[in-house]
Amino acid sequence: MIVGDKVSFWYGEGAVEHECTVTHVWSDVMVNLLTPGGETHTSVPLRQDGMAGYYFTPKLSAPTLTFGQKAVGLTFNPSNNPLVDAIKRQYADVIDMLDNARSLTPNPEIKRMLSVAITETQTAQMWAVKAVTWSH
């Protein structure tokens, strides 16, 4: 647990869940939290069996993205367009293949060519996304 982590926080009547930000870490089992509304809660304990009403639980971390998924910005799709997602996933797979080949070759010229291919694949992916999201 580090400052800035997001956690689920339960407090109040009926133990309502809130997503909060860790602002101070006292120990592995005790933190200070900031709610989205700006309230600060101090010395909040980690949930233990049988606890009710005032505790936090860590949120599950997001899955690790591959090099290709990072390269195409897979998680950025503000319109939630399924075609954008499909395009990005397929280009990410190609980039991962190229990156894997690049890591396996000792030849610097082949590494350079594969790096160029990765860059051009990113460019093609960006143009494809632009085309399917174009509006006047």
N, C-alpha and C. Protein backbone atom coordinates (compact mmCIF):
# COMPACT_ATOMS: atom_id res chain seq x y z
N MET A 1 0.84 -1.16 0.00
CA MET A 1 0.00 0.00 0.00
C MET A 1 0.90 1.24 0.00
N ILE A 2 0.64 2.16 -0.94
CA ILE A 2 1.42 3.40 -0.99
C ILE A 2 0.47 4.59 -1.13
N VAL A 3 0.97 5.77 -0.83
CA VAL A 3 0.19 6.99 -0.99
C VAL A 3 -0.23 7.10 -2.45
N GLY A 4 -1.50 7.41 -2.66
CA GLY A 4 -2.04 7.53 -4.01
C GLY A 4 -2.83 6.31 -4.45
N ASP A 5 -2.66 5.17 -3.78
CA ASP A 5 -3.43 3.98 -4.12
C ASP A 5 -4.91 4.24 -3.90
N LYS A 6 -5.73 3.60 -4.71
CA LYS A 6 -7.18 3.65 -4.54
C LYS A 6 -7.60 2.44 -3.72
N VAL A 7 -8.50 2.66 -2.77
CA VAL A 7 -9.01 1.59 -1.93
C VAL A 7 -10.52 1.73 -1.81
N SER A 8 -11.18 0.64 -1.43
CA SER A 8 -12.60 0.69 -1.09
C SER A 8 -12.69 0.96 0.40
N PHE A 9 -13.55 1.90 0.77
CA PHE A 9 -13.68 2.31 2.17
C PHE A 9 -15.14 2.19 2.57
N TRP A 10 -15.39 1.52 3.69
CA TRP A 10 -16.74 1.36 4.19
C TRP A 10 -16.86 2.11 5.51
N TYR A 11 -17.89 2.91 5.62
CA TYR A 11 -18.16 3.59 6.90
C TYR A 11 -19.60 4.04 6.93
N GLY A 12 -20.04 4.40 8.10
CA GLY A 12 -21.37 4.96 8.27
C GLY A 12 -22.46 3.90 8.37
N GLU A 13 -23.67 4.39 8.51
CA GLU A 13 -24.84 3.53 8.65
C GLU A 13 -24.95 2.63 7.42
N GLY A 14 -25.00 1.34 7.64
CA GLY A 14 -25.12 0.40 6.54
C GLY A 14 -23.81 0.12 5.82
N ALA A 15 -22.71 0.68 6.30
CA ALA A 15 -21.38 0.44 5.73
C ALA A 15 -21.38 0.60 4.22
N VAL A 16 -21.60 1.82 3.75
CA VAL A 16 -21.63 2.13 2.32
C VAL A 16 -20.20 2.18 1.78
N GLU A 17 -19.99 1.60 0.60
CA GLU A 17 -18.65 1.59 0.00
C GLU A 17 -18.36 2.90 -0.72
N HIS A 18 -17.14 3.40 -0.54
CA HIS A 18 -16.66 4.60 -1.22
C HIS A 18 -15.28 4.29 -1.78
N GLU A 19 -14.97 4.81 -2.97
CA GLU A 19 -13.60 4.69 -3.47
C GLU A 19 -12.83 5.89 -2.94
N CYS A 20 -11.73 5.62 -2.25
CA CYS A 20 -10.93 6.68 -1.64
C CYS A 20 -9.48 6.56 -2.05
N THR A 21 -8.73 7.61 -1.76
CA THR A 21 -7.30 7.65 -2.06
C THR A 21 -6.51 7.62 -0.75
N VAL A 22 -5.47 6.79 -0.72
CA VAL A 22 -4.61 6.72 0.46
C VAL A 22 -3.77 7.99 0.51
N THR A 23 -3.80 8.68 1.67
CA THR A 23 -3.01 9.91 1.83
C THR A 23 -1.85 9.73 2.80
N HIS A 24 -1.91 8.69 3.62
CA HIS A 24 -0.81 8.40 4.55
C HIS A 24 -0.87 6.93 4.92
N VAL A 25 0.28 6.29 4.98
CA VAL A 25 0.35 4.87 5.37
C VAL A 25 1.02 4.79 6.73
N TRP A 26 0.24 4.35 7.74
CA TRP A 26 0.78 4.15 9.07
C TRP A 26 1.49 2.80 9.15
N SER A 27 0.86 1.79 8.53
CA SER A 27 1.41 0.43 8.52
C SER A 27 0.67 -0.34 7.43
N ASP A 28 0.97 -1.62 7.29
CA ASP A 28 0.28 -2.44 6.29
C ASP A 28 -1.22 -2.55 6.57
N VAL A 29 -1.62 -2.27 7.80
CA VAL A 29 -3.02 -2.45 8.18
C VAL A 29 -3.70 -1.17 8.68
N MET A 30 -3.06 0.00 8.46
CA MET A 30 -3.65 1.25 8.96
C MET A 30 -3.24 2.40 8.03
N VAL A 31 -4.25 3.14 7.52
CA VAL A 31 -3.98 4.25 6.59
C VAL A 31 -4.89 5.43 6.88
N ASN A 32 -4.54 6.58 6.30
CA ASN A 32 -5.43 7.73 6.24
C ASN A 32 -5.99 7.78 4.83
N LEU A 33 -7.25 8.23 4.70
CA LEU A 33 -7.92 8.24 3.40
C LEU A 33 -8.55 9.59 3.11
N LEU A 34 -8.68 9.89 1.82
CA LEU A 34 -9.38 11.08 1.34
C LEU A 34 -10.52 10.62 0.45
N THR A 35 -11.74 11.05 0.75
CA THR A 35 -12.90 10.68 -0.06
C THR A 35 -12.98 11.62 -1.27
N PRO A 36 -13.72 11.22 -2.31
CA PRO A 36 -13.91 12.12 -3.45
C PRO A 36 -14.54 13.46 -3.06
N GLY A 37 -15.30 13.48 -1.95
CA GLY A 37 -15.93 14.71 -1.48
C GLY A 37 -15.01 15.59 -0.66
N GLY A 38 -13.75 15.14 -0.45
CA GLY A 38 -12.79 15.94 0.27
C GLY A 38 -12.70 15.66 1.76
N GLU A 39 -13.44 14.67 2.25
CA GLU A 39 -13.37 14.31 3.66
C GLU A 39 -12.10 13.50 3.92
N THR A 40 -11.45 13.75 5.05
CA THR A 40 -10.28 12.97 5.46
C THR A 40 -10.69 12.02 6.58
N HIS A 41 -10.28 10.78 6.47
CA HIS A 41 -10.52 9.79 7.52
C HIS A 41 -9.15 9.28 7.96
N THR A 42 -8.88 9.33 9.26
CA THR A 42 -7.57 8.96 9.78
C THR A 42 -7.61 7.61 10.48
N SER A 43 -6.48 6.95 10.45
CA SER A 43 -6.31 5.67 11.15
C SER A 43 -7.39 4.66 10.78
N VAL A 44 -7.59 4.47 9.49
CA VAL A 44 -8.60 3.51 9.02
C VAL A 44 -7.95 2.13 8.96
N PRO A 45 -8.54 1.12 9.62
CA PRO A 45 -7.93 -0.21 9.63
C PRO A 45 -8.27 -1.02 8.38
N LEU A 46 -7.38 -1.93 8.04
CA LEU A 46 -7.62 -2.92 7.00
C LEU A 46 -8.71 -3.86 7.49
N ARG A 47 -9.61 -4.24 6.59
CA ARG A 47 -10.71 -5.13 6.98
C ARG A 47 -10.18 -6.47 7.46
N GLN A 48 -10.70 -6.90 8.59
CA GLN A 48 -10.43 -8.23 9.16
C GLN A 48 -11.77 -8.95 9.25
N ASP A 49 -11.73 -10.26 9.31
CA ASP A 49 -12.98 -11.03 9.45
C ASP A 49 -13.78 -10.54 10.65
N GLY A 50 -15.07 -10.36 10.44
CA GLY A 50 -15.95 -9.96 11.53
C GLY A 50 -16.07 -8.46 11.74
N MET A 51 -15.25 -7.68 11.00
CA MET A 51 -15.32 -6.22 11.15
C MET A 51 -16.56 -5.67 10.47
N ALA A 52 -17.08 -4.59 11.01
CA ALA A 52 -18.22 -3.93 10.39
C ALA A 52 -18.08 -2.43 10.54
N GLY A 53 -18.46 -1.70 9.51
CA GLY A 53 -18.68 -0.28 9.64
C GLY A 53 -17.57 0.70 9.36
N TYR A 54 -16.30 0.38 9.57
CA TYR A 54 -15.26 1.38 9.39
C TYR A 54 -13.95 0.67 9.07
N TYR A 55 -13.67 0.47 7.77
CA TYR A 55 -12.46 -0.24 7.36
C TYR A 55 -12.21 0.00 5.88
N PHE A 56 -11.04 -0.41 5.41
CA PHE A 56 -10.73 -0.32 3.99
C PHE A 56 -10.30 -1.69 3.48
N THR A 57 -10.44 -1.87 2.17
CA THR A 57 -9.90 -3.05 1.49
C THR A 57 -9.18 -2.56 0.25
N PRO A 58 -8.03 -3.14 -0.08
CA PRO A 58 -7.31 -2.74 -1.29
C PRO A 58 -8.15 -3.07 -2.53
N LYS A 59 -8.06 -2.24 -3.54
CA LYS A 59 -8.71 -2.55 -4.80
C LYS A 59 -7.77 -3.45 -5.59
N LEU A 60 -8.33 -4.33 -6.38
CA LEU A 60 -7.50 -5.19 -7.21
C LEU A 60 -6.78 -4.34 -8.23
N SER A 61 -5.52 -4.62 -8.44
CA SER A 61 -4.77 -3.83 -9.41
C SER A 61 -5.18 -4.22 -10.83
N ALA A 62 -5.05 -3.28 -11.71
CA ALA A 62 -5.39 -3.50 -13.11
C ALA A 62 -4.41 -4.51 -13.72
N PRO A 63 -4.89 -5.27 -14.71
CA PRO A 63 -3.99 -6.24 -15.33
C PRO A 63 -2.82 -5.53 -16.02
N THR A 64 -1.68 -6.18 -16.04
CA THR A 64 -0.51 -5.63 -16.70
C THR A 64 -0.70 -5.68 -18.21
N LEU A 65 -0.44 -4.58 -18.86
CA LEU A 65 -0.58 -4.52 -20.32
C LEU A 65 0.71 -5.00 -20.98
N THR A 66 0.57 -5.58 -22.16
CA THR A 66 1.74 -5.97 -22.95
C THR A 66 2.35 -4.73 -23.57
N PHE A 67 3.55 -4.88 -24.13
CA PHE A 67 4.20 -3.77 -24.83
C PHE A 67 3.29 -3.24 -25.94
N GLY A 68 2.72 -4.15 -26.72
CA GLY A 68 1.85 -3.74 -27.82
C GLY A 68 0.60 -3.02 -27.35
N GLN A 69 0.00 -3.50 -26.27
CA GLN A 69 -1.19 -2.85 -25.73
C GLN A 69 -0.89 -1.45 -25.24
N LYS A 70 0.29 -1.28 -24.63
CA LYS A 70 0.70 0.07 -24.21
C LYS A 70 0.97 0.94 -25.43
N ALA A 71 1.61 0.35 -26.43
CA ALA A 71 2.01 1.11 -27.62
C ALA A 71 0.81 1.68 -28.38
N VAL A 72 -0.32 0.97 -28.36
CA VAL A 72 -1.51 1.45 -29.07
C VAL A 72 -2.48 2.21 -28.16
N GLY A 73 -2.16 2.29 -26.88
CA GLY A 73 -3.06 2.97 -25.95
C GLY A 73 -4.37 2.24 -25.80
N LEU A 74 -4.29 0.93 -25.58
CA LEU A 74 -5.47 0.07 -25.54
C LEU A 74 -6.55 0.57 -24.58
N THR A 75 -6.16 1.10 -23.44
CA THR A 75 -7.16 1.51 -22.44
C THR A 75 -7.79 2.87 -22.73
N PHE A 76 -7.31 3.57 -23.77
CA PHE A 76 -7.89 4.87 -24.12
C PHE A 76 -8.88 4.69 -25.26
N ASN A 77 -10.16 4.77 -24.93
CA ASN A 77 -11.23 4.66 -25.91
C ASN A 77 -12.44 5.39 -25.32
N PRO A 78 -12.36 6.74 -25.25
CA PRO A 78 -13.40 7.50 -24.54
C PRO A 78 -14.80 7.31 -25.11
N SER A 79 -14.91 6.94 -26.39
CA SER A 79 -16.24 6.73 -26.97
C SER A 79 -16.74 5.31 -26.74
N ASN A 80 -15.90 4.44 -26.15
CA ASN A 80 -16.26 3.03 -25.95
C ASN A 80 -16.71 2.36 -27.24
N ASN A 81 -16.07 2.74 -28.33
CA ASN A 81 -16.40 2.20 -29.65
C ASN A 81 -15.80 0.80 -29.77
N PRO A 82 -16.64 -0.23 -29.99
CA PRO A 82 -16.11 -1.59 -30.08
C PRO A 82 -15.17 -1.80 -31.26
N LEU A 83 -15.37 -1.06 -32.34
CA LEU A 83 -14.48 -1.17 -33.49
C LEU A 83 -13.09 -0.62 -33.16
N VAL A 84 -13.03 0.48 -32.41
CA VAL A 84 -11.74 1.03 -31.96
C VAL A 84 -11.02 0.00 -31.10
N ASP A 85 -11.75 -0.64 -30.20
CA ASP A 85 -11.16 -1.66 -29.33
C ASP A 85 -10.60 -2.81 -30.17
N ALA A 86 -11.38 -3.29 -31.15
CA ALA A 86 -10.93 -4.41 -31.99
C ALA A 86 -9.69 -4.03 -32.80
N ILE A 87 -9.68 -2.83 -33.36
CA ILE A 87 -8.53 -2.36 -34.14
C ILE A 87 -7.29 -2.31 -33.26
N LYS A 88 -7.43 -1.69 -32.09
CA LYS A 88 -6.28 -1.57 -31.19
C LYS A 88 -5.77 -2.93 -30.74
N ARG A 89 -6.66 -3.87 -30.45
CA ARG A 89 -6.24 -5.20 -30.02
C ARG A 89 -5.45 -5.92 -31.12
N GLN A 90 -5.92 -5.83 -32.36
CA GLN A 90 -5.22 -6.53 -33.44
C GLN A 90 -3.86 -5.90 -33.72
N TYR A 91 -3.80 -4.59 -33.73
CA TYR A 91 -2.49 -3.93 -33.93
C TYR A 91 -1.56 -4.22 -32.76
N ALA A 92 -2.10 -4.29 -31.54
CA ALA A 92 -1.27 -4.61 -30.37
C ALA A 92 -0.65 -6.00 -30.52
N ASP A 93 -1.42 -6.95 -31.05
CA ASP A 93 -0.88 -8.30 -31.27
C ASP A 93 0.27 -8.28 -32.26
N VAL A 94 0.13 -7.51 -33.34
CA VAL A 94 1.21 -7.40 -34.33
C VAL A 94 2.45 -6.77 -33.70
N ILE A 95 2.25 -5.71 -32.95
CA ILE A 95 3.38 -5.04 -32.29
C ILE A 95 4.06 -5.98 -31.30
N ASP A 96 3.29 -6.77 -30.57
CA ASP A 96 3.90 -7.74 -29.65
C ASP A 96 4.74 -8.77 -30.39
N MET A 97 4.25 -9.23 -31.56
CA MET A 97 5.04 -10.16 -32.37
C MET A 97 6.36 -9.54 -32.82
N LEU A 98 6.27 -8.31 -33.31
CA LEU A 98 7.48 -7.61 -33.77
C LEU A 98 8.45 -7.36 -32.61
N ASP A 99 7.91 -6.97 -31.47
CA ASP A 99 8.75 -6.72 -30.31
C ASP A 99 9.44 -8.00 -29.84
N ASN A 100 8.71 -9.10 -29.87
CA ASN A 100 9.30 -10.39 -29.49
C ASN A 100 10.45 -10.75 -30.45
N ALA A 101 10.22 -10.59 -31.76
CA ALA A 101 11.27 -10.88 -32.74
C ALA A 101 12.48 -9.97 -32.51
N ARG A 102 12.22 -8.72 -32.19
CA ARG A 102 13.30 -7.76 -31.93
C ARG A 102 14.14 -8.18 -30.72
N SER A 103 13.47 -8.71 -29.69
CA SER A 103 14.20 -9.12 -28.49
C SER A 103 15.02 -10.39 -28.72
N LEU A 104 14.67 -11.16 -29.73
CA LEU A 104 15.35 -12.43 -29.98
C LEU A 104 16.56 -12.33 -30.90
N THR A 105 16.62 -11.28 -31.70
CA THR A 105 17.72 -11.19 -32.66
C THR A 105 18.91 -10.43 -32.07
N PRO A 106 20.13 -10.92 -32.33
CA PRO A 106 21.31 -10.18 -31.88
C PRO A 106 21.75 -9.13 -32.92
N ASN A 107 21.17 -9.20 -34.10
CA ASN A 107 21.59 -8.35 -35.21
C ASN A 107 21.04 -6.93 -35.05
N PRO A 108 21.92 -5.93 -34.91
CA PRO A 108 21.44 -4.56 -34.69
C PRO A 108 20.64 -3.99 -35.87
N GLU A 109 20.97 -4.40 -37.08
CA GLU A 109 20.22 -3.90 -38.24
C GLU A 109 18.80 -4.46 -38.25
N ILE A 110 18.65 -5.72 -37.88
CA ILE A 110 17.32 -6.31 -37.81
C ILE A 110 16.53 -5.66 -36.67
N LYS A 111 17.19 -5.40 -35.55
CA LYS A 111 16.53 -4.68 -34.44
C LYS A 111 16.01 -3.32 -34.92
N ARG A 112 16.83 -2.61 -35.68
CA ARG A 112 16.43 -1.29 -36.20
C ARG A 112 15.22 -1.42 -37.11
N MET A 113 15.26 -2.39 -38.02
CA MET A 113 14.14 -2.57 -38.94
C MET A 113 12.85 -2.93 -38.20
N LEU A 114 12.97 -3.77 -37.19
CA LEU A 114 11.79 -4.13 -36.41
C LEU A 114 11.26 -2.94 -35.62
N SER A 115 12.17 -2.09 -35.14
CA SER A 115 11.73 -0.86 -34.45
C SER A 115 10.97 0.06 -35.41
N VAL A 116 11.47 0.18 -36.63
CA VAL A 116 10.76 0.97 -37.65
C VAL A 116 9.39 0.35 -37.92
N ALA A 117 9.35 -0.97 -38.05
CA ALA A 117 8.07 -1.66 -38.30
C ALA A 117 7.09 -1.40 -37.16
N ILE A 118 7.56 -1.40 -35.92
CA ILE A 118 6.69 -1.12 -34.77
C ILE A 118 6.16 0.30 -34.87
N THR A 119 7.02 1.25 -35.18
CA THR A 119 6.59 2.65 -35.31
C THR A 119 5.55 2.80 -36.41
N GLU A 120 5.80 2.17 -37.56
CA GLU A 120 4.85 2.27 -38.67
C GLU A 120 3.52 1.57 -38.35
N THR A 121 3.58 0.51 -37.58
CA THR A 121 2.36 -0.17 -37.16
C THR A 121 1.54 0.73 -36.23
N GLN A 122 2.23 1.42 -35.32
CA GLN A 122 1.54 2.39 -34.46
C GLN A 122 0.89 3.48 -35.30
N THR A 123 1.60 3.96 -36.30
CA THR A 123 1.06 5.00 -37.18
C THR A 123 -0.19 4.49 -37.90
N ALA A 124 -0.12 3.28 -38.44
CA ALA A 124 -1.28 2.70 -39.14
C ALA A 124 -2.47 2.55 -38.20
N GLN A 125 -2.21 2.12 -36.98
CA GLN A 125 -3.28 1.97 -36.00
C GLN A 125 -3.94 3.32 -35.70
N MET A 126 -3.14 4.36 -35.57
CA MET A 126 -3.70 5.68 -35.28
C MET A 126 -4.57 6.18 -36.43
N TRP A 127 -4.11 5.95 -37.67
CA TRP A 127 -4.90 6.37 -38.82
C TRP A 127 -6.19 5.55 -38.92
N ALA A 128 -6.12 4.26 -38.61
CA ALA A 128 -7.32 3.42 -38.64
C ALA A 128 -8.35 3.90 -37.62
N VAL A 129 -7.90 4.21 -36.40
CA VAL A 129 -8.81 4.71 -35.37
C VAL A 129 -9.38 6.06 -35.79
N LYS A 130 -8.55 6.91 -36.36
CA LYS A 130 -9.06 8.21 -36.83
C LYS A 130 -10.14 8.02 -37.88
N ALA A 131 -9.92 7.07 -38.78
CA ALA A 131 -10.90 6.84 -39.86
C ALA A 131 -12.24 6.35 -39.32
N VAL A 132 -12.21 5.44 -38.37
CA VAL A 132 -13.49 4.89 -37.87
C VAL A 132 -14.18 5.80 -36.87
N THR A 133 -13.50 6.82 -36.40
CA THR A 133 -14.13 7.77 -35.47
C THR A 133 -14.35 9.14 -36.11
N TRP A 134 -14.05 9.28 -37.37
CA TRP A 134 -14.16 10.57 -38.07
C TRP A 134 -15.59 11.05 -38.11
N SER A 135 -15.78 12.32 -37.79
CA SER A 135 -17.08 12.97 -37.98
C SER A 135 -16.83 14.42 -38.35
N HIS A 136 -17.72 14.98 -39.12
CA HIS A 136 -17.54 16.38 -39.56
C HIS A 136 -18.06 17.32 -38.53
